[in-house]
Amino acid sequence: MLDAAELHRALYQAITSKDFDTIGELYHPECIYMVGDGVEMRGADVPLGAVKAFTSALPDLSIDIRQQYLPKDGVSIVEYIFSGTHRGELEGIPATGKKVAVVACSIMEARDGKIVREHDYYDTMALMNQLGVG
């Protein structure tokens, strides 16, 4: 069974390889997922949908983990940079063909080898500016 640190790293590996089956298996079916607005959404299909949207918009998506913190058992915090080329619609923005690199952070809680809670933040303004729409 994977611990929180291993789960976080396995998630990013699965995202960059577009292994949607593994991504779905990493989340508890009743997980809570939030982005920067703080609205809690339930179910493994929610983060999986977000991943599919990002990997569709940025098909060459890569994730560079800068720091990983383990503040307590079952919790992992990762600071990372996601980058890629905007080749598909993203959050209502048609493909621009521009390359982006955005600082992000993810706080993840694990229990029994599954992700039960995740809160993702990223610099939306930097993303919009790099896409030329900010």
N, C-alpha and C. Protein backbone atom coordinates (compact mmCIF):
# COMPACT_ATOMS: atom_id res chain seq x y z
N MET A 1 0.84 -1.18 0.00
CA MET A 1 0.00 0.00 0.00
C MET A 1 0.89 1.25 0.00
N LEU A 2 0.57 2.20 -0.87
CA LEU A 2 1.37 3.41 -0.98
C LEU A 2 1.05 4.39 0.15
N ASP A 3 2.09 5.07 0.64
CA ASP A 3 1.86 6.12 1.62
C ASP A 3 1.57 7.43 0.89
N ALA A 4 1.32 8.51 1.62
CA ALA A 4 0.93 9.79 1.02
C ALA A 4 1.99 10.31 0.03
N ALA A 5 3.25 10.25 0.40
CA ALA A 5 4.31 10.74 -0.48
C ALA A 5 4.36 9.94 -1.77
N GLU A 6 4.27 8.62 -1.65
CA GLU A 6 4.30 7.76 -2.83
C GLU A 6 3.07 7.96 -3.70
N LEU A 7 1.91 8.12 -3.08
CA LEU A 7 0.68 8.37 -3.83
C LEU A 7 0.78 9.64 -4.66
N HIS A 8 1.30 10.69 -4.04
CA HIS A 8 1.42 11.98 -4.74
C HIS A 8 2.31 11.84 -5.97
N ARG A 9 3.44 11.19 -5.80
CA ARG A 9 4.37 11.01 -6.92
C ARG A 9 3.80 10.07 -7.97
N ALA A 10 3.11 9.02 -7.54
CA ALA A 10 2.47 8.10 -8.49
C ALA A 10 1.39 8.83 -9.30
N LEU A 11 0.67 9.73 -8.65
CA LEU A 11 -0.35 10.51 -9.34
C LEU A 11 0.27 11.34 -10.46
N TYR A 12 1.35 12.05 -10.17
CA TYR A 12 1.96 12.90 -11.20
C TYR A 12 2.58 12.08 -12.32
N GLN A 13 3.12 10.92 -11.99
CA GLN A 13 3.64 10.03 -13.03
C GLN A 13 2.51 9.58 -13.94
N ALA A 14 1.38 9.19 -13.35
CA ALA A 14 0.23 8.73 -14.13
C ALA A 14 -0.34 9.87 -14.98
N ILE A 15 -0.34 11.09 -14.44
CA ILE A 15 -0.86 12.24 -15.20
C ILE A 15 0.01 12.48 -16.43
N THR A 16 1.31 12.53 -16.25
CA THR A 16 2.18 12.84 -17.39
C THR A 16 2.19 11.72 -18.43
N SER A 17 1.89 10.50 -18.01
CA SER A 17 1.81 9.40 -18.99
C SER A 17 0.38 9.16 -19.46
N LYS A 18 -0.54 9.99 -18.99
CA LYS A 18 -1.97 9.91 -19.37
C LYS A 18 -2.55 8.52 -19.09
N ASP A 19 -2.17 7.98 -17.95
CA ASP A 19 -2.66 6.68 -17.51
C ASP A 19 -3.92 6.90 -16.66
N PHE A 20 -5.03 7.13 -17.34
CA PHE A 20 -6.27 7.50 -16.67
C PHE A 20 -6.81 6.38 -15.77
N ASP A 21 -6.57 5.14 -16.13
CA ASP A 21 -7.01 4.02 -15.28
C ASP A 21 -6.31 4.07 -13.93
N THR A 22 -4.99 4.27 -13.95
CA THR A 22 -4.25 4.36 -12.69
C THR A 22 -4.69 5.57 -11.89
N ILE A 23 -4.89 6.69 -12.55
CA ILE A 23 -5.34 7.89 -11.84
C ILE A 23 -6.64 7.59 -11.11
N GLY A 24 -7.59 6.99 -11.80
CA GLY A 24 -8.87 6.65 -11.18
C GLY A 24 -8.72 5.73 -9.99
N GLU A 25 -7.76 4.81 -10.06
CA GLU A 25 -7.54 3.85 -8.98
C GLU A 25 -6.88 4.49 -7.75
N LEU A 26 -6.15 5.59 -7.95
CA LEU A 26 -5.46 6.24 -6.84
C LEU A 26 -6.41 7.00 -5.92
N TYR A 27 -7.56 7.43 -6.44
CA TYR A 27 -8.53 8.20 -5.67
C TYR A 27 -9.56 7.30 -5.00
N HIS A 28 -9.88 7.63 -3.77
CA HIS A 28 -10.99 6.97 -3.09
C HIS A 28 -12.28 7.41 -3.80
N PRO A 29 -13.25 6.51 -3.97
CA PRO A 29 -14.48 6.87 -4.69
C PRO A 29 -15.21 8.08 -4.11
N GLU A 30 -15.06 8.33 -2.82
CA GLU A 30 -15.73 9.45 -2.16
C GLU A 30 -14.77 10.60 -1.85
N CYS A 31 -13.67 10.69 -2.58
CA CYS A 31 -12.68 11.73 -2.29
C CYS A 31 -13.30 13.12 -2.42
N ILE A 32 -12.66 14.05 -1.75
CA ILE A 32 -13.05 15.46 -1.84
C ILE A 32 -11.95 16.16 -2.62
N TYR A 33 -12.35 16.90 -3.66
CA TYR A 33 -11.39 17.60 -4.53
C TYR A 33 -11.76 19.08 -4.57
N MET A 34 -10.75 19.93 -4.43
CA MET A 34 -10.95 21.38 -4.49
C MET A 34 -9.86 22.01 -5.34
N VAL A 35 -10.20 23.11 -5.97
CA VAL A 35 -9.22 23.94 -6.64
C VAL A 35 -9.16 25.27 -5.88
N GLY A 36 -8.58 26.28 -6.46
CA GLY A 36 -8.34 27.54 -5.78
C GLY A 36 -9.56 28.23 -5.20
N ASP A 37 -10.75 27.97 -5.76
CA ASP A 37 -11.95 28.64 -5.25
C ASP A 37 -12.45 28.04 -3.94
N GLY A 38 -11.90 26.88 -3.52
CA GLY A 38 -12.26 26.28 -2.25
C GLY A 38 -13.57 25.51 -2.24
N VAL A 39 -14.23 25.40 -3.38
CA VAL A 39 -15.48 24.65 -3.46
C VAL A 39 -15.17 23.16 -3.43
N GLU A 40 -15.76 22.45 -2.49
CA GLU A 40 -15.53 21.02 -2.37
C GLU A 40 -16.40 20.25 -3.35
N MET A 41 -15.77 19.37 -4.12
CA MET A 41 -16.48 18.50 -5.05
C MET A 41 -16.15 17.07 -4.66
N ARG A 42 -17.13 16.19 -4.73
CA ARG A 42 -16.94 14.82 -4.27
C ARG A 42 -16.93 13.83 -5.42
N GLY A 43 -16.09 12.82 -5.26
CA GLY A 43 -16.05 11.71 -6.20
C GLY A 43 -14.78 11.68 -7.01
N ALA A 44 -14.29 10.47 -7.29
CA ALA A 44 -13.05 10.29 -8.04
C ALA A 44 -13.16 10.80 -9.47
N ASP A 45 -14.38 10.92 -9.99
CA ASP A 45 -14.55 11.40 -11.35
C ASP A 45 -14.20 12.88 -11.48
N VAL A 46 -14.25 13.64 -10.39
CA VAL A 46 -13.97 15.07 -10.44
C VAL A 46 -12.50 15.35 -10.75
N PRO A 47 -11.55 14.85 -9.95
CA PRO A 47 -10.14 15.12 -10.31
C PRO A 47 -9.75 14.44 -11.62
N LEU A 48 -10.35 13.29 -11.91
CA LEU A 48 -10.05 12.62 -13.18
C LEU A 48 -10.49 13.50 -14.36
N GLY A 49 -11.64 14.14 -14.23
CA GLY A 49 -12.11 15.06 -15.28
C GLY A 49 -11.18 16.25 -15.44
N ALA A 50 -10.67 16.78 -14.32
CA ALA A 50 -9.73 17.91 -14.38
C ALA A 50 -8.44 17.50 -15.09
N VAL A 51 -7.94 16.31 -14.78
CA VAL A 51 -6.73 15.81 -15.41
C VAL A 51 -6.95 15.65 -16.91
N LYS A 52 -8.08 15.07 -17.29
CA LYS A 52 -8.36 14.87 -18.72
C LYS A 52 -8.45 16.21 -19.44
N ALA A 53 -9.04 17.22 -18.82
CA ALA A 53 -9.14 18.55 -19.44
C ALA A 53 -7.75 19.15 -19.65
N PHE A 54 -6.89 19.05 -18.63
CA PHE A 54 -5.55 19.63 -18.74
C PHE A 54 -4.69 18.87 -19.73
N THR A 55 -4.76 17.54 -19.73
CA THR A 55 -3.92 16.78 -20.65
C THR A 55 -4.42 16.88 -22.09
N SER A 56 -5.69 17.19 -22.26
CA SER A 56 -6.22 17.42 -23.60
C SER A 56 -5.78 18.80 -24.10
N ALA A 57 -5.82 19.79 -23.22
CA ALA A 57 -5.42 21.15 -23.59
C ALA A 57 -3.91 21.28 -23.75
N LEU A 58 -3.18 20.54 -22.92
CA LEU A 58 -1.71 20.58 -22.94
C LEU A 58 -1.22 19.14 -23.17
N PRO A 59 -1.28 18.64 -24.39
CA PRO A 59 -0.96 17.22 -24.63
C PRO A 59 0.48 16.83 -24.29
N ASP A 60 1.38 17.80 -24.23
CA ASP A 60 2.76 17.53 -23.85
C ASP A 60 3.02 17.92 -22.38
N LEU A 61 1.97 17.91 -21.59
CA LEU A 61 2.05 18.31 -20.19
C LEU A 61 3.18 17.60 -19.46
N SER A 62 3.96 18.37 -18.73
CA SER A 62 4.97 17.79 -17.85
C SER A 62 4.83 18.43 -16.47
N ILE A 63 5.26 17.70 -15.47
CA ILE A 63 5.17 18.17 -14.09
C ILE A 63 6.56 18.03 -13.47
N ASP A 64 7.07 19.15 -13.00
CA ASP A 64 8.39 19.17 -12.37
C ASP A 64 8.20 19.47 -10.88
N ILE A 65 8.35 18.43 -10.05
CA ILE A 65 8.20 18.60 -8.61
C ILE A 65 9.41 19.35 -8.07
N ARG A 66 9.15 20.48 -7.41
CA ARG A 66 10.23 21.29 -6.83
C ARG A 66 10.49 20.94 -5.38
N GLN A 67 9.42 20.74 -4.62
CA GLN A 67 9.53 20.41 -3.20
C GLN A 67 8.38 19.48 -2.82
N GLN A 68 8.65 18.58 -1.90
CA GLN A 68 7.58 17.77 -1.33
C GLN A 68 7.75 17.83 0.18
N TYR A 69 6.65 18.16 0.85
CA TYR A 69 6.64 18.27 2.30
C TYR A 69 5.69 17.23 2.87
N LEU A 70 6.08 16.66 3.99
CA LEU A 70 5.25 15.65 4.66
C LEU A 70 5.02 16.12 6.09
N PRO A 71 4.05 17.04 6.29
CA PRO A 71 3.88 17.66 7.61
C PRO A 71 3.37 16.72 8.69
N LYS A 72 2.64 15.68 8.28
CA LYS A 72 2.17 14.68 9.26
C LYS A 72 1.79 13.42 8.50
N ASP A 73 1.60 12.36 9.22
CA ASP A 73 1.27 11.09 8.61
C ASP A 73 0.00 11.23 7.76
N GLY A 74 0.07 10.75 6.53
CA GLY A 74 -1.09 10.77 5.65
C GLY A 74 -1.27 12.05 4.86
N VAL A 75 -0.33 13.00 4.97
CA VAL A 75 -0.46 14.28 4.26
C VAL A 75 0.81 14.54 3.46
N SER A 76 0.62 14.96 2.21
CA SER A 76 1.73 15.34 1.34
C SER A 76 1.40 16.67 0.69
N ILE A 77 2.37 17.57 0.69
CA ILE A 77 2.24 18.86 0.02
C ILE A 77 3.34 18.91 -1.04
N VAL A 78 2.95 19.20 -2.27
CA VAL A 78 3.91 19.26 -3.36
C VAL A 78 3.83 20.62 -4.03
N GLU A 79 4.99 21.27 -4.17
CA GLU A 79 5.12 22.46 -5.00
C GLU A 79 5.71 21.99 -6.31
N TYR A 80 5.12 22.42 -7.41
CA TYR A 80 5.58 21.94 -8.71
C TYR A 80 5.34 23.00 -9.78
N ILE A 81 5.91 22.75 -10.94
CA ILE A 81 5.65 23.57 -12.11
C ILE A 81 5.06 22.66 -13.17
N PHE A 82 3.88 23.03 -13.69
CA PHE A 82 3.36 22.28 -14.83
C PHE A 82 3.62 23.11 -16.08
N SER A 83 3.96 22.42 -17.14
CA SER A 83 4.27 23.12 -18.38
C SER A 83 3.78 22.29 -19.56
N GLY A 84 3.62 22.98 -20.67
CA GLY A 84 3.18 22.32 -21.89
C GLY A 84 2.79 23.34 -22.93
N THR A 85 2.34 22.83 -24.06
CA THR A 85 1.94 23.67 -25.18
C THR A 85 0.42 23.64 -25.30
N HIS A 86 -0.18 24.80 -25.33
CA HIS A 86 -1.65 24.94 -25.35
C HIS A 86 -2.19 24.58 -26.73
N ARG A 87 -2.58 23.32 -26.89
CA ARG A 87 -3.04 22.82 -28.19
C ARG A 87 -4.53 22.50 -28.23
N GLY A 88 -5.22 22.66 -27.11
CA GLY A 88 -6.66 22.38 -27.05
C GLY A 88 -7.34 23.34 -26.11
N GLU A 89 -8.66 23.37 -26.16
CA GLU A 89 -9.45 24.28 -25.32
C GLU A 89 -9.14 24.04 -23.84
N LEU A 90 -8.97 25.13 -23.10
CA LEU A 90 -8.71 25.06 -21.67
C LEU A 90 -9.51 26.15 -20.98
N GLU A 91 -10.42 25.73 -20.12
CA GLU A 91 -11.25 26.67 -19.37
C GLU A 91 -11.90 27.71 -20.28
N GLY A 92 -12.39 27.26 -21.42
CA GLY A 92 -13.07 28.13 -22.37
C GLY A 92 -12.16 28.89 -23.31
N ILE A 93 -10.87 28.70 -23.19
CA ILE A 93 -9.91 29.42 -24.04
C ILE A 93 -9.48 28.49 -25.17
N PRO A 94 -9.75 28.88 -26.43
CA PRO A 94 -9.32 28.04 -27.54
C PRO A 94 -7.79 27.94 -27.61
N ALA A 95 -7.31 26.89 -28.24
CA ALA A 95 -5.87 26.66 -28.36
C ALA A 95 -5.16 27.89 -28.91
N THR A 96 -4.04 28.22 -28.29
CA THR A 96 -3.23 29.36 -28.73
C THR A 96 -1.90 28.91 -29.34
N GLY A 97 -1.50 27.68 -29.07
CA GLY A 97 -0.21 27.19 -29.53
C GLY A 97 0.95 27.69 -28.68
N LYS A 98 0.64 28.44 -27.61
CA LYS A 98 1.70 29.00 -26.77
C LYS A 98 2.15 28.01 -25.71
N LYS A 99 3.42 28.11 -25.37
CA LYS A 99 3.98 27.30 -24.29
C LYS A 99 3.73 28.01 -22.97
N VAL A 100 3.41 27.22 -21.95
CA VAL A 100 3.17 27.77 -20.61
C VAL A 100 4.01 27.00 -19.60
N ALA A 101 4.32 27.69 -18.51
CA ALA A 101 4.98 27.08 -17.35
C ALA A 101 4.42 27.81 -16.13
N VAL A 102 3.72 27.07 -15.26
CA VAL A 102 2.98 27.69 -14.18
C VAL A 102 3.31 27.02 -12.85
N VAL A 103 3.54 27.84 -11.83
CA VAL A 103 3.78 27.37 -10.48
C VAL A 103 2.46 26.89 -9.88
N ALA A 104 2.51 25.75 -9.19
CA ALA A 104 1.31 25.18 -8.58
C ALA A 104 1.66 24.50 -7.27
N CYS A 105 0.61 24.18 -6.51
CA CYS A 105 0.76 23.50 -5.24
C CYS A 105 -0.41 22.55 -5.06
N SER A 106 -0.15 21.41 -4.48
CA SER A 106 -1.18 20.42 -4.20
C SER A 106 -1.02 19.92 -2.78
N ILE A 107 -2.13 19.93 -2.04
CA ILE A 107 -2.16 19.37 -0.70
C ILE A 107 -3.04 18.13 -0.77
N MET A 108 -2.48 17.00 -0.40
CA MET A 108 -3.18 15.74 -0.57
C MET A 108 -3.19 14.96 0.74
N GLU A 109 -4.35 14.41 1.06
CA GLU A 109 -4.48 13.55 2.22
C GLU A 109 -4.77 12.13 1.75
N ALA A 110 -4.13 11.17 2.39
CA ALA A 110 -4.30 9.77 2.02
C ALA A 110 -4.76 8.95 3.21
N ARG A 111 -5.53 7.92 2.89
CA ARG A 111 -5.95 6.96 3.90
C ARG A 111 -6.11 5.61 3.22
N ASP A 112 -5.57 4.59 3.84
CA ASP A 112 -5.68 3.23 3.31
C ASP A 112 -5.22 3.11 1.86
N GLY A 113 -4.14 3.84 1.52
CA GLY A 113 -3.55 3.73 0.19
C GLY A 113 -4.31 4.44 -0.92
N LYS A 114 -5.25 5.32 -0.56
CA LYS A 114 -6.03 6.07 -1.56
C LYS A 114 -6.01 7.55 -1.22
N ILE A 115 -6.17 8.38 -2.24
CA ILE A 115 -6.29 9.82 -2.03
C ILE A 115 -7.72 10.10 -1.60
N VAL A 116 -7.87 10.68 -0.40
CA VAL A 116 -9.21 10.97 0.12
C VAL A 116 -9.56 12.45 0.04
N ARG A 117 -8.53 13.29 -0.11
CA ARG A 117 -8.76 14.73 -0.19
C ARG A 117 -7.60 15.35 -0.94
N GLU A 118 -7.92 16.29 -1.84
CA GLU A 118 -6.86 17.00 -2.56
C GLU A 118 -7.32 18.44 -2.81
N HIS A 119 -6.40 19.35 -2.59
CA HIS A 119 -6.67 20.78 -2.85
C HIS A 119 -5.54 21.29 -3.73
N ASP A 120 -5.87 21.66 -4.96
CA ASP A 120 -4.88 22.13 -5.92
C ASP A 120 -5.00 23.63 -6.11
N TYR A 121 -3.86 24.29 -6.13
CA TYR A 121 -3.78 25.72 -6.38
C TYR A 121 -2.79 25.94 -7.52
N TYR A 122 -3.08 26.89 -8.39
CA TYR A 122 -2.06 27.29 -9.35
C TYR A 122 -2.25 28.77 -9.67
N ASP A 123 -1.22 29.36 -10.22
CA ASP A 123 -1.21 30.79 -10.51
C ASP A 123 -2.01 31.04 -11.79
N THR A 124 -3.31 31.24 -11.62
CA THR A 124 -4.21 31.43 -12.75
C THR A 124 -3.82 32.65 -13.59
N MET A 125 -3.44 33.72 -12.94
CA MET A 125 -3.07 34.94 -13.67
C MET A 125 -1.84 34.69 -14.55
N ALA A 126 -0.87 33.97 -14.02
CA ALA A 126 0.31 33.66 -14.83
C ALA A 126 -0.08 32.82 -16.04
N LEU A 127 -0.97 31.85 -15.83
CA LEU A 127 -1.44 31.03 -16.96
C LEU A 127 -2.13 31.90 -18.00
N MET A 128 -3.04 32.76 -17.57
CA MET A 128 -3.77 33.62 -18.52
C MET A 128 -2.82 34.56 -19.26
N ASN A 129 -1.88 35.13 -18.53
CA ASN A 129 -0.91 36.03 -19.18
C ASN A 129 -0.08 35.28 -20.22
N GLN A 130 0.36 34.08 -19.90
CA GLN A 130 1.16 33.31 -20.85
C GLN A 130 0.36 32.89 -22.07
N LEU A 131 -0.95 32.73 -21.89
CA LEU A 131 -1.81 32.39 -23.03
C LEU A 131 -2.21 33.62 -23.83
N GLY A 132 -1.87 34.82 -23.29
CA GLY A 132 -2.19 36.05 -23.99
C GLY A 132 -3.61 36.53 -23.78
N VAL A 133 -4.25 36.04 -22.70
CA VAL A 133 -5.63 36.45 -22.45
C VAL A 133 -5.79 37.14 -21.10
N GLY A 134 -4.67 37.40 -20.41
CA GLY A 134 -4.72 37.97 -19.06
C GLY A 134 -4.70 39.46 -19.03
